[in-house]
Amino acid sequence: MEAAGMRGTGLLLLTLSALLPEPVTVCPAEQYPETYRGQDVCCNYCDSGQEISEICTPWNKVSKCKNCRENRFNEKNAREGCKLCTFCNKDEGSIEKKPCTKSSDAVCECPEGSTARNKRNTACLCDKGKEIVNNKCQPCLPGYFSSKENSFCQSWTNCSALGQNVLEPGSAMTDVKCSKSSNVVVTVPTTSMKPTSSSSRRKVSSLPNVTTSNHISIVNPTTTGKPLNWGTLSLILIGAILLIVSAGIILTMITQIHRKKKNRGFIRGERFRVPVQEESTSSDSSLPKNCPA
């Protein structure tokens, strides 16, 4: 009976030992536990800005380390590889408060008055009608607008400088809309128009937009529609100047060719001209000469 009891106790102890977790290797603060070919060993950590490239061995507890690559970092006593640096997106309104180094990550923050779009503040929201100035998201000044998020305020369009009228006023988020057409108004005093016949009266009445007030406003129908396109006029003027210059060059070349031909003809005539014998006008040449006896 006692032997059977001892066997039962042994089996119970073996079962409990199998169910209990394996003992965990405890290493000093400057080392981390590792397993090398089934054997527990404590290895040294790498310095900050480095990562473990090869674990240690039971006979050499120094781990092999290598430096972090560009735009990566790793803190001290880290068992993981180097991590990618956080990027503070300036186009999204984020501000880099602290740059990334080999041993620590970057720190981003959002401008005052804006809203963070994530926990790391890598993207922020500055609403329309505002702009980021001196790390603050503030409203546009009167006469300025911003139609996009995280953008700068721009001045309203000056319709008067374009020779147009204001069609719709601007706001902090929209620009001023100008009229696309303008009418040329000619004011004629009524005292200067005194028709002397019925035909002249009919001509005056047929003019467009004529009123019978103290002054008569006549709208030039040729100016209605689209405003004058100065770019097209400039191209036409440049083309006319080029045509005039080309015509002058052609005329000069023709004149020079004509002169050369004329000079060549004169030289040839002088070269092949036959000399003419001069006739004697004296009376002695026609009389026979008397020979002495």
C-alpha atoms as a PDB file:
ATOM      1  CA  MET A   1       0.000   0.000   0.000  1.00  0.00           C
ATOM      2  CA  GLU A   2       2.763   2.429   0.873  1.00  0.00           C
ATOM      3  CA  ALA A   3       4.592   1.708  -2.407  1.00  0.00           C
ATOM      4  CA  ALA A   4       1.456   2.336  -4.395  1.00  0.00           C
ATOM      5  CA  GLY A   5       0.953   5.640  -2.577  1.00  0.00           C
ATOM      6  CA  MET A   6       4.511   6.753  -3.314  1.00  0.00           C
ATOM      7  CA  ARG A   7       4.101   5.924  -6.995  1.00  0.00           C
ATOM      8  CA  GLY A   8       0.900   7.952  -7.140  1.00  0.00           C
ATOM      9  CA  THR A   9       2.635  10.902  -5.499  1.00  0.00           C
ATOM     10  CA  GLY A  10       5.494  10.717  -7.996  1.00  0.00           C
ATOM     11  CA  LEU A  11       3.144  10.676 -10.937  1.00  0.00           C
ATOM     12  CA  LEU A  12       1.306  13.677  -9.518  1.00  0.00           C
ATOM     13  CA  LEU A  13       4.542  15.634  -9.127  1.00  0.00           C
ATOM     14  CA  LEU A  14       5.590  14.840 -12.688  1.00  0.00           C
ATOM     15  CA  THR A  15       2.208  15.983 -14.014  1.00  0.00           C
ATOM     16  CA  LEU A  16       2.369  19.239 -12.063  1.00  0.00           C
ATOM     17  CA  SER A  17       5.923  19.935 -13.230  1.00  0.00           C
ATOM     18  CA  ALA A  18       4.850  19.456 -16.843  1.00  0.00           C
ATOM     19  CA  LEU A  19       1.993  21.893 -16.422  1.00  0.00           C
ATOM     20  CA  LEU A  20       4.107  24.581 -14.744  1.00  0.00           C
ATOM     21  CA  PRO A  21       5.744  27.146 -17.122  1.00  0.00           C
ATOM     22  CA  GLU A  22       9.434  26.920 -17.790  1.00  0.00           C
ATOM     23  CA  PRO A  23      11.613  29.144 -15.645  1.00  0.00           C
ATOM     24  CA  VAL A  24      12.348  32.534 -17.207  1.00  0.00           C
ATOM     25  CA  THR A  25      15.957  33.641 -17.460  1.00  0.00           C
ATOM     26  CA  VAL A  26      16.503  36.853 -15.491  1.00  0.00           C
ATOM     27  CA  CYS A  27      19.225  39.159 -16.889  1.00  0.00           C
ATOM     28  CA  PRO A  28      20.742  42.389 -15.541  1.00  0.00           C
ATOM     29  CA  ALA A  29      19.326  45.767 -16.612  1.00  0.00           C
ATOM     30  CA  GLU A  30      22.011  46.310 -19.288  1.00  0.00           C
ATOM     31  CA  GLN A  31      21.356  42.867 -20.861  1.00  0.00           C
ATOM     32  CA  TYR A  32      18.423  41.048 -22.464  1.00  0.00           C
ATOM     33  CA  PRO A  33      17.601  37.289 -22.426  1.00  0.00           C
ATOM     34  CA  GLU A  34      18.194  35.328 -25.624  1.00  0.00           C
ATOM     35  CA  THR A  35      18.355  31.655 -26.654  1.00  0.00           C
ATOM     36  CA  TYR A  36      21.380  30.391 -28.527  1.00  0.00           C
ATOM     37  CA  ARG A  37      20.992  26.853 -29.892  1.00  0.00           C
ATOM     38  CA  GLY A  38      18.599  25.881 -27.116  1.00  0.00           C
ATOM     39  CA  GLN A  39      20.701  27.470 -24.380  1.00  0.00           C
ATOM     40  CA  ASP A  40      19.582  30.561 -22.459  1.00  0.00           C
ATOM     41  CA  VAL A  41      22.025  33.440 -22.489  1.00  0.00           C
ATOM     42  CA  CYS A  42      22.061  37.125 -21.471  1.00  0.00           C
ATOM     43  CA  CYS A  43      23.288  39.482 -24.223  1.00  0.00           C
ATOM     44  CA  ASN A  44      24.349  43.126 -24.025  1.00  0.00           C
ATOM     45  CA  TYR A  45      22.097  45.803 -25.527  1.00  0.00           C
ATOM     46  CA  CYS A  46      23.266  48.035 -28.408  1.00  0.00           C
ATOM     47  CA  ASP A  47      23.706  51.787 -27.950  1.00  0.00           C
ATOM     48  CA  SER A  48      21.107  54.339 -29.039  1.00  0.00           C
ATOM     49  CA  GLY A  49      21.113  54.910 -32.806  1.00  0.00           C
ATOM     50  CA  GLN A  50      22.037  51.251 -33.388  1.00  0.00           C
ATOM     51  CA  GLU A  51      20.273  47.954 -33.934  1.00  0.00           C
ATOM     52  CA  ILE A  52      21.223  44.318 -33.200  1.00  0.00           C
ATOM     53  CA  SER A  53      22.637  42.601 -36.249  1.00  0.00           C
ATOM     54  CA  GLU A  54      23.689  39.322 -34.507  1.00  0.00           C
ATOM     55  CA  ILE A  55      22.926  37.951 -31.024  1.00  0.00           C
ATOM     56  CA  CYS A  56      25.615  36.993 -28.586  1.00  0.00           C
ATOM     57  CA  THR A  57      26.847  33.508 -27.682  1.00  0.00           C
ATOM     58  CA  PRO A  58      27.280  31.777 -24.314  1.00  0.00           C
ATOM     59  CA  TRP A  59      31.013  32.501 -24.430  1.00  0.00           C
ATOM     60  CA  ASN A  60      30.658  36.096 -25.685  1.00  0.00           C
ATOM     61  CA  LYS A  61      27.807  38.174 -24.314  1.00  0.00           C
ATOM     62  CA  VAL A  62      28.509  41.218 -26.531  1.00  0.00           C
ATOM     63  CA  SER A  63      25.937  41.559 -29.332  1.00  0.00           C
ATOM     64  CA  LYS A  64      26.946  42.664 -32.790  1.00  0.00           C
ATOM     65  CA  CYS A  65      25.429  46.079 -33.623  1.00  0.00           C
ATOM     66  CA  LYS A  66      25.163  48.366 -36.650  1.00  0.00           C
ATOM     67  CA  ASN A  67      24.183  52.024 -37.027  1.00  0.00           C
ATOM     68  CA  CYS A  68      20.709  53.066 -38.135  1.00  0.00           C
ATOM     69  CA  ARG A  69      20.249  54.109 -41.748  1.00  0.00           C
ATOM     70  CA  GLU A  70      19.237  57.578 -42.902  1.00  0.00           C
ATOM     71  CA  ASN A  71      15.845  58.819 -41.645  1.00  0.00           C
ATOM     72  CA  ARG A  72      15.703  56.049 -39.035  1.00  0.00           C
ATOM     73  CA  PHE A  73      16.232  56.017 -35.273  1.00  0.00           C
ATOM     74  CA  ASN A  74      16.475  53.657 -32.299  1.00  0.00           C
ATOM     75  CA  GLU A  75      16.412  54.395 -28.617  1.00  0.00           C
ATOM     76  CA  LYS A  76      18.740  52.931 -26.008  1.00  0.00           C
ATOM     77  CA  ASN A  77      18.232  49.303 -24.855  1.00  0.00           C
ATOM     78  CA  ALA A  78      16.011  48.466 -27.818  1.00  0.00           C
ATOM     79  CA  ARG A  79      15.733  44.902 -29.056  1.00  0.00           C
ATOM     80  CA  GLU A  80      13.814  45.865 -32.220  1.00  0.00           C
ATOM     81  CA  GLY A  81      15.359  47.186 -35.393  1.00  0.00           C
ATOM     82  CA  CYS A  82      15.656  50.885 -36.220  1.00  0.00           C
ATOM     83  CA  LYS A  83      12.302  52.615 -36.819  1.00  0.00           C
ATOM     84  CA  LEU A  84      11.377  55.092 -39.558  1.00  0.00           C
ATOM     85  CA  CYS A  85      11.359  58.754 -38.513  1.00  0.00           C
ATOM     86  CA  THR A  86       8.046  60.590 -38.299  1.00  0.00           C
ATOM     87  CA  PHE A  87       7.506  63.106 -41.140  1.00  0.00           C
ATOM     88  CA  CYS A  88       5.787  66.392 -40.248  1.00  0.00           C
ATOM     89  CA  ASN A  89       3.887  67.320 -43.419  1.00  0.00           C
ATOM     90  CA  LYS A  90       4.206  71.083 -43.901  1.00  0.00           C
ATOM     91  CA  ASP A  91       1.727  71.037 -46.789  1.00  0.00           C
ATOM     92  CA  GLU A  92      -0.850  69.684 -44.347  1.00  0.00           C
ATOM     93  CA  GLY A  93      -0.130  72.430 -41.817  1.00  0.00           C
ATOM     94  CA  SER A  94       2.058  70.329 -39.492  1.00  0.00           C
ATOM     95  CA  ILE A  95       5.000  72.017 -37.737  1.00  0.00           C
ATOM     96  CA  GLU A  96       8.224  70.200 -36.858  1.00  0.00           C
ATOM     97  CA  LYS A  97       8.866  71.100 -33.227  1.00  0.00           C
ATOM     98  CA  LYS A  98      11.849  68.745 -32.859  1.00  0.00           C
ATOM     99  CA  PRO A  99      13.754  67.078 -35.728  1.00  0.00           C
ATOM    100  CA  CYS A 100      14.449  63.371 -35.908  1.00  0.00           C
ATOM    101  CA  THR A 101      17.868  62.127 -34.747  1.00  0.00           C
ATOM    102  CA  LYS A 102      19.545  58.721 -34.677  1.00  0.00           C
ATOM    103  CA  SER A 103      18.451  58.224 -31.067  1.00  0.00           C
ATOM    104  CA  SER A 104      14.961  59.848 -30.993  1.00  0.00           C
ATOM    105  CA  ASP A 105      11.977  60.439 -33.254  1.00  0.00           C
ATOM    106  CA  ALA A 106      10.718  63.803 -34.524  1.00  0.00           C
ATOM    107  CA  VAL A 107       8.020  65.720 -32.645  1.00  0.00           C
ATOM    108  CA  CYS A 108       5.222  67.390 -34.656  1.00  0.00           C
ATOM    109  CA  GLU A 109       2.603  69.887 -33.539  1.00  0.00           C
ATOM    110  CA  CYS A 110      -0.363  71.682 -35.114  1.00  0.00           C
ATOM    111  CA  PRO A 111      -0.650  75.489 -35.349  1.00  0.00           C
ATOM    112  CA  GLU A 112      -2.719  77.260 -32.750  1.00  0.00           C
ATOM    113  CA  GLY A 113      -6.345  77.423 -33.884  1.00  0.00           C
ATOM    114  CA  SER A 114      -6.116  74.383 -36.186  1.00  0.00           C
ATOM    115  CA  THR A 115      -7.320  70.797 -35.716  1.00  0.00           C
ATOM    116  CA  ALA A 116      -5.071  67.694 -35.591  1.00  0.00           C
ATOM    117  CA  ARG A 117      -5.949  64.928 -38.021  1.00  0.00           C
ATOM    118  CA  ASN A 118      -4.016  62.163 -36.233  1.00  0.00           C
ATOM    119  CA  LYS A 119      -2.404  61.415 -32.876  1.00  0.00           C
ATOM    120  CA  ARG A 120       1.124  62.297 -34.002  1.00  0.00           C
ATOM    121  CA  ASN A 121       0.057  65.699 -35.402  1.00  0.00           C
ATOM    122  CA  THR A 122       1.641  64.952 -38.756  1.00  0.00           C
ATOM    123  CA  ALA A 123      -1.345  66.556 -40.544  1.00  0.00           C
ATOM    124  CA  CYS A 124      -3.493  69.464 -39.375  1.00  0.00           C
ATOM    125  CA  LEU A 125      -6.562  71.336 -40.624  1.00  0.00           C
ATOM    126  CA  CYS A 126      -6.749  75.115 -41.015  1.00  0.00           C
ATOM    127  CA  ASP A 127     -10.200  75.852 -42.474  1.00  0.00           C
ATOM    128  CA  LYS A 128     -11.067  77.928 -45.537  1.00  0.00           C
ATOM    129  CA  GLY A 129     -11.136  81.660 -44.917  1.00  0.00           C
ATOM    130  CA  LYS A 130      -8.028  81.352 -42.716  1.00  0.00           C
ATOM    131  CA  GLU A 131      -4.260  81.106 -43.145  1.00  0.00           C
ATOM    132  CA  ILE A 132      -1.284  79.908 -41.103  1.00  0.00           C
ATOM    133  CA  VAL A 133       0.899  82.843 -40.025  1.00  0.00           C
ATOM    134  CA  ASN A 134       3.541  82.609 -37.287  1.00  0.00           C
ATOM    135  CA  ASN A 135       2.380  79.076 -36.356  1.00  0.00           C
ATOM    136  CA  LYS A 136      -1.187  80.308 -35.891  1.00  0.00           C
ATOM    137  CA  CYS A 137      -4.318  79.568 -37.916  1.00  0.00           C
ATOM    138  CA  GLN A 138      -6.016  82.978 -38.112  1.00  0.00           C
ATOM    139  CA  PRO A 139      -8.821  84.499 -40.256  1.00  0.00           C
ATOM    140  CA  CYS A 140      -8.034  86.421 -43.444  1.00  0.00           C
ATOM    141  CA  LEU A 141      -7.949  90.214 -43.231  1.00  0.00           C
ATOM    142  CA  PRO A 142     -10.761  92.251 -44.870  1.00  0.00           C
ATOM    143  CA  GLY A 143     -10.266  92.298 -48.630  1.00  0.00           C
ATOM    144  CA  TYR A 144      -8.542  88.901 -48.655  1.00  0.00           C
ATOM    145  CA  PHE A 145      -9.766  85.319 -49.095  1.00  0.00           C
ATOM    146  CA  SER A 146      -8.601  81.677 -49.064  1.00  0.00           C
ATOM    147  CA  SER A 147     -10.692  79.114 -50.934  1.00  0.00           C
ATOM    148  CA  LYS A 148      -8.657  76.050 -49.864  1.00  0.00           C
ATOM    149  CA  GLU A 149      -7.691  74.450 -46.574  1.00  0.00           C
ATOM    150  CA  ASN A 150      -4.173  75.124 -45.234  1.00  0.00           C
ATOM    151  CA  SER A 151      -3.643  77.873 -47.828  1.00  0.00           C
ATOM    152  CA  PHE A 152      -2.596  81.526 -47.744  1.00  0.00           C
ATOM    153  CA  CYS A 153      -4.998  84.452 -48.054  1.00  0.00           C
ATOM    154  CA  GLN A 154      -5.067  86.316 -51.395  1.00  0.00           C
ATOM    155  CA  SER A 155      -6.357  89.797 -52.165  1.00  0.00           C
ATOM    156  CA  TRP A 156      -9.696  90.276 -53.917  1.00  0.00           C
ATOM    157  CA  THR A 157      -9.680  91.020 -57.656  1.00  0.00           C
ATOM    158  CA  ASN A 158      -9.816  94.749 -58.451  1.00  0.00           C
ATOM    159  CA  CYS A 159     -12.639  94.990 -61.007  1.00  0.00           C
ATOM    160  CA  SER A 160     -12.113  98.747 -61.516  1.00  0.00           C
ATOM    161  CA  ALA A 161      -8.503  98.187 -62.599  1.00  0.00           C
ATOM    162  CA  LEU A 162      -9.797  95.764 -65.257  1.00  0.00           C
ATOM    163  CA  GLY A 163     -12.387  98.244 -66.474  1.00  0.00           C
ATOM    164  CA  GLN A 164     -15.216  96.059 -65.210  1.00  0.00           C
ATOM    165  CA  ASN A 165     -17.956  96.262 -62.604  1.00  0.00           C
ATOM    166  CA  VAL A 166     -18.451  94.161 -59.468  1.00  0.00           C
ATOM    167  CA  LEU A 167     -20.944  91.400 -60.217  1.00  0.00           C
ATOM    168  CA  GLU A 168     -20.757  89.632 -56.816  1.00  0.00           C
ATOM    169  CA  PRO A 169     -18.917  90.851 -53.693  1.00  0.00           C
ATOM    170  CA  GLY A 170     -16.139  88.757 -52.172  1.00  0.00           C
ATOM    171  CA  SER A 171     -15.926  87.051 -48.787  1.00  0.00           C
ATOM    172  CA  ALA A 172     -13.290  85.408 -46.609  1.00  0.00           C
ATOM    173  CA  MET A 173     -13.632  82.218 -48.676  1.00  0.00           C
ATOM    174  CA  THR A 174     -14.504  83.534 -52.173  1.00  0.00           C
ATOM    175  CA  ASP A 175     -13.079  86.109 -54.559  1.00  0.00           C
ATOM    176  CA  VAL A 176     -14.947  89.053 -56.079  1.00  0.00           C
ATOM    177  CA  LYS A 177     -16.731  88.287 -59.361  1.00  0.00           C
ATOM    178  CA  CYS A 178     -16.417  90.932 -62.060  1.00  0.00           C
ATOM    179  CA  SER A 179     -18.720  91.548 -65.036  1.00  0.00           C
ATOM    180  CA  LYS A 180     -17.419  90.079 -68.270  1.00  0.00           C
ATOM    181  CA  SER A 181     -18.826  92.830 -70.526  1.00  0.00           C
ATOM    182  CA  SER A 182     -18.900  96.628 -70.423  1.00  0.00           C
ATOM    183  CA  ASN A 183     -20.839  99.191 -72.506  1.00  0.00           C
ATOM    184  CA  VAL A 184     -19.378 102.420 -73.870  1.00  0.00           C
ATOM    185  CA  VAL A 185     -21.859 105.204 -73.111  1.00  0.00           C
ATOM    186  CA  VAL A 186     -21.710 108.407 -75.174  1.00  0.00           C
ATOM    187  CA  THR A 187     -23.621 111.372 -73.744  1.00  0.00           C
ATOM    188  CA  VAL A 188     -24.969 113.874 -76.309  1.00  0.00           C
ATOM    189  CA  PRO A 189     -26.736 117.111 -75.247  1.00  0.00           C
ATOM    190  CA  THR A 190     -30.295 117.458 -76.594  1.00  0.00           C
ATOM    191  CA  THR A 191     -29.648 121.026 -77.705  1.00  0.00           C
ATOM    192  CA  SER A 192     -27.112 119.884 -80.306  1.00  0.00           C
ATOM    193  CA  MET A 193     -29.615 117.582 -82.053  1.00  0.00           C
ATOM    194  CA  LYS A 194     -32.254 119.555 -83.902  1.00  0.00           C
ATOM    195  CA  PRO A 195     -33.473 117.615 -86.915  1.00  0.00           C
ATOM    196  CA  THR A 196     -34.589 119.854 -89.794  1.00  0.00           C
ATOM    197  CA  SER A 197     -36.568 117.237 -91.672  1.00  0.00           C
ATOM    198  CA  SER A 198     -38.698 114.176 -91.070  1.00  0.00           C
ATOM    199  CA  SER A 199     -35.970 111.913 -92.501  1.00  0.00           C
ATOM    200  CA  SER A 200     -33.455 113.150 -89.948  1.00  0.00           C
ATOM    201  CA  ARG A 201     -36.007 112.560 -87.200  1.00  0.00           C
ATOM    202  CA  ARG A 202     -36.376 108.976 -88.334  1.00  0.00           C
ATOM    203  CA  LYS A 203     -32.585 108.500 -88.272  1.00  0.00           C
ATOM    204  CA  VAL A 204     -32.343 109.741 -84.702  1.00  0.00           C
ATOM    205  CA  SER A 205     -35.252 107.571 -83.552  1.00  0.00           C
ATOM    206  CA  SER A 206     -33.648 104.499 -85.089  1.00  0.00           C
ATOM    207  CA  LEU A 207     -30.509 104.777 -82.896  1.00  0.00           C
ATOM    208  CA  PRO A 208     -30.398 102.166 -80.076  1.00  0.00           C
ATOM    209  CA  ASN A 209     -31.064 103.088 -76.423  1.00  0.00           C
ATOM    210  CA  VAL A 210     -32.015 106.730 -77.070  1.00  0.00           C
ATOM    211  CA  THR A 211     -33.827 108.484 -74.219  1.00  0.00           C
ATOM    212  CA  THR A 212     -35.714 111.762 -74.203  1.00  0.00           C
ATOM    213  CA  SER A 213     -34.142 113.127 -71.026  1.00  0.00           C
ATOM    214  CA  ASN A 214     -31.823 116.117 -70.830  1.00  0.00           C
ATOM    215  CA  HIS A 215     -28.993 113.949 -72.213  1.00  0.00           C
ATOM    216  CA  ILE A 216     -29.258 111.146 -74.740  1.00  0.00           C
ATOM    217  CA  SER A 217     -27.207 107.980 -74.014  1.00  0.00           C
ATOM    218  CA  ILE A 218     -26.166 106.090 -77.125  1.00  0.00           C
ATOM    219  CA  VAL A 219     -24.717 102.630 -76.549  1.00  0.00           C
ATOM    220  CA  ASN A 220     -22.152 101.548 -79.093  1.00  0.00           C
ATOM    221  CA  PRO A 221     -23.381  98.115 -80.220  1.00  0.00           C
ATOM    222  CA  THR A 222     -19.902  97.082 -81.313  1.00  0.00           C
ATOM    223  CA  THR A 223     -18.606  97.107 -77.728  1.00  0.00           C
ATOM    224  CA  THR A 224     -21.203  94.738 -76.326  1.00  0.00           C
ATOM    225  CA  GLY A 225     -20.244  91.168 -75.643  1.00  0.00           C
ATOM    226  CA  LYS A 226     -16.747  90.164 -74.656  1.00  0.00           C
ATOM    227  CA  PRO A 227     -14.222  92.823 -73.563  1.00  0.00           C
ATOM    228  CA  LEU A 228     -11.460  93.903 -75.907  1.00  0.00           C
ATOM    229  CA  ASN A 229      -8.766  91.255 -76.138  1.00  0.00           C
ATOM    230  CA  TRP A 230      -5.472  93.135 -75.935  1.00  0.00           C
ATOM    231  CA  GLY A 231      -3.486  89.952 -76.500  1.00  0.00           C
ATOM    232  CA  THR A 232      -5.081  89.448 -79.928  1.00  0.00           C
ATOM    233  CA  LEU A 233      -4.473  93.092 -80.879  1.00  0.00           C
ATOM    234  CA  SER A 234      -0.823  92.766 -79.863  1.00  0.00           C
ATOM    235  CA  LEU A 235      -0.389  89.699 -82.083  1.00  0.00           C
ATOM    236  CA  ILE A 236      -2.033  91.503 -85.030  1.00  0.00           C
ATOM    237  CA  LEU A 237       0.211  94.546 -84.545  1.00  0.00           C
ATOM    238  CA  ILE A 238       3.359  92.404 -84.366  1.00  0.00           C
ATOM    239  CA  GLY A 239       2.291  90.529 -87.518  1.00  0.00           C
ATOM    240  CA  ALA A 240       1.751  93.815 -89.400  1.00  0.00           C
ATOM    241  CA  ILE A 241       5.192  95.087 -88.369  1.00  0.00           C
ATOM    242  CA  LEU A 242       6.826  91.848 -89.530  1.00  0.00           C
ATOM    243  CA  LEU A 243       5.042  92.088 -92.900  1.00  0.00           C
ATOM    244  CA  ILE A 244       6.223  95.688 -93.384  1.00  0.00           C
ATOM    245  CA  VAL A 245       9.811  94.781 -92.519  1.00  0.00           C
ATOM    246  CA  SER A 246       9.719  91.767 -94.875  1.00  0.00           C
ATOM    247  CA  ALA A 247       8.338  93.907 -97.731  1.00  0.00           C
ATOM    248  CA  GLY A 248      11.119  96.453 -97.204  1.00  0.00           C
ATOM    249  CA  ILE A 249      13.783  93.743 -97.322  1.00  0.00           C
ATOM    250  CA  ILE A 250      12.315  92.256-100.519  1.00  0.00           C
ATOM    251  CA  LEU A 251      12.154  95.677-102.237  1.00  0.00           C
ATOM    252  CA  THR A 252      15.769  96.384-101.277  1.00  0.00           C
ATOM    253  CA  MET A 253      16.899  93.046-102.720  1.00  0.00           C
ATOM    254  CA  ILE A 254      14.997  93.662-106.005  1.00  0.00           C
ATOM    255  CA  THR A 255      16.553  97.129-106.361  1.00  0.00           C
ATOM    256  CA  GLN A 256      20.056  95.768-105.803  1.00  0.00           C
ATOM    257  CA  ILE A 257      19.525  92.966-108.375  1.00  0.00           C
ATOM    258  CA  HIS A 258      18.251  95.496-110.951  1.00  0.00           C
ATOM    259  CA  ARG A 259      21.298  97.734-110.449  1.00  0.00           C
ATOM    260  CA  LYS A 260      23.668  94.784-110.843  1.00  0.00           C
ATOM    261  CA  LYS A 261      22.040  93.757-114.144  1.00  0.00           C
ATOM    262  CA  LYS A 262      22.234  97.332-115.465  1.00  0.00           C
ATOM    263  CA  ASN A 263      25.921  97.609-114.576  1.00  0.00           C
ATOM    264  CA  ARG A 264      26.698  94.279-116.257  1.00  0.00           C
ATOM    265  CA  GLY A 265      24.979  95.409-119.531  1.00  0.00           C
ATOM    266  CA  PHE A 266      26.931  98.655-119.592  1.00  0.00           C
ATOM    267  CA  ILE A 267      30.254  96.841-119.158  1.00  0.00           C
ATOM    268  CA  ARG A 268      29.477  94.391-121.977  1.00  0.00           C
ATOM    269  CA  GLY A 269      28.524  97.248-124.406  1.00  0.00           C
ATOM    270  CA  GLU A 270      31.829  99.038-123.766  1.00  0.00           C
ATOM    271  CA  ARG A 271      33.788  95.839-124.336  1.00  0.00           C
ATOM    272  CA  PHE A 272      32.346  94.921-127.812  1.00  0.00           C
ATOM    273  CA  ARG A 273      31.816  98.395-129.333  1.00  0.00           C
ATOM    274  CA  VAL A 274      33.490  98.786-132.876  1.00  0.00           C
ATOM    275  CA  PRO A 275      35.432 102.032-133.280  1.00  0.00           C
ATOM    276  CA  VAL A 276      34.196 104.291-136.181  1.00  0.00           C
ATOM    277  CA  GLN A 277      36.759 106.001-138.460  1.00  0.00           C
ATOM    278  CA  GLU A 278      36.547 109.724-138.404  1.00  0.00           C
ATOM    279  CA  GLU A 279      35.881 111.388-141.769  1.00  0.00           C
ATOM    280  CA  SER A 280      38.162 114.212-142.730  1.00  0.00           C
ATOM    281  CA  THR A 281      36.389 117.497-143.288  1.00  0.00           C
ATOM    282  CA  SER A 282      39.283 119.336-144.921  1.00  0.00           C
ATOM    283  CA  SER A 283      39.016 120.199-148.589  1.00  0.00           C
ATOM    284  CA  ASP A 284      42.503 118.985-149.265  1.00  0.00           C
ATOM    285  CA  SER A 285      41.573 115.357-148.719  1.00  0.00           C
ATOM    286  CA  SER A 286      39.085 115.395-151.634  1.00  0.00           C
ATOM    287  CA  LEU A 287      41.370 117.135-154.168  1.00  0.00           C
ATOM    288  CA  PRO A 288      44.028 115.259-156.055  1.00  0.00           C
ATOM    289  CA  LYS A 289      47.461 116.174-155.100  1.00  0.00           C
ATOM    290  CA  ASN A 290      49.560 117.862-157.874  1.00  0.00           C
ATOM    291  CA  CYS A 291      52.738 116.116-158.385  1.00  0.00           C
ATOM    292  CA  PRO A 292      55.747 118.247-159.443  1.00  0.00           C
ATOM    293  CA  ALA A 293      56.655 118.123-163.050  1.00  0.00           C
END
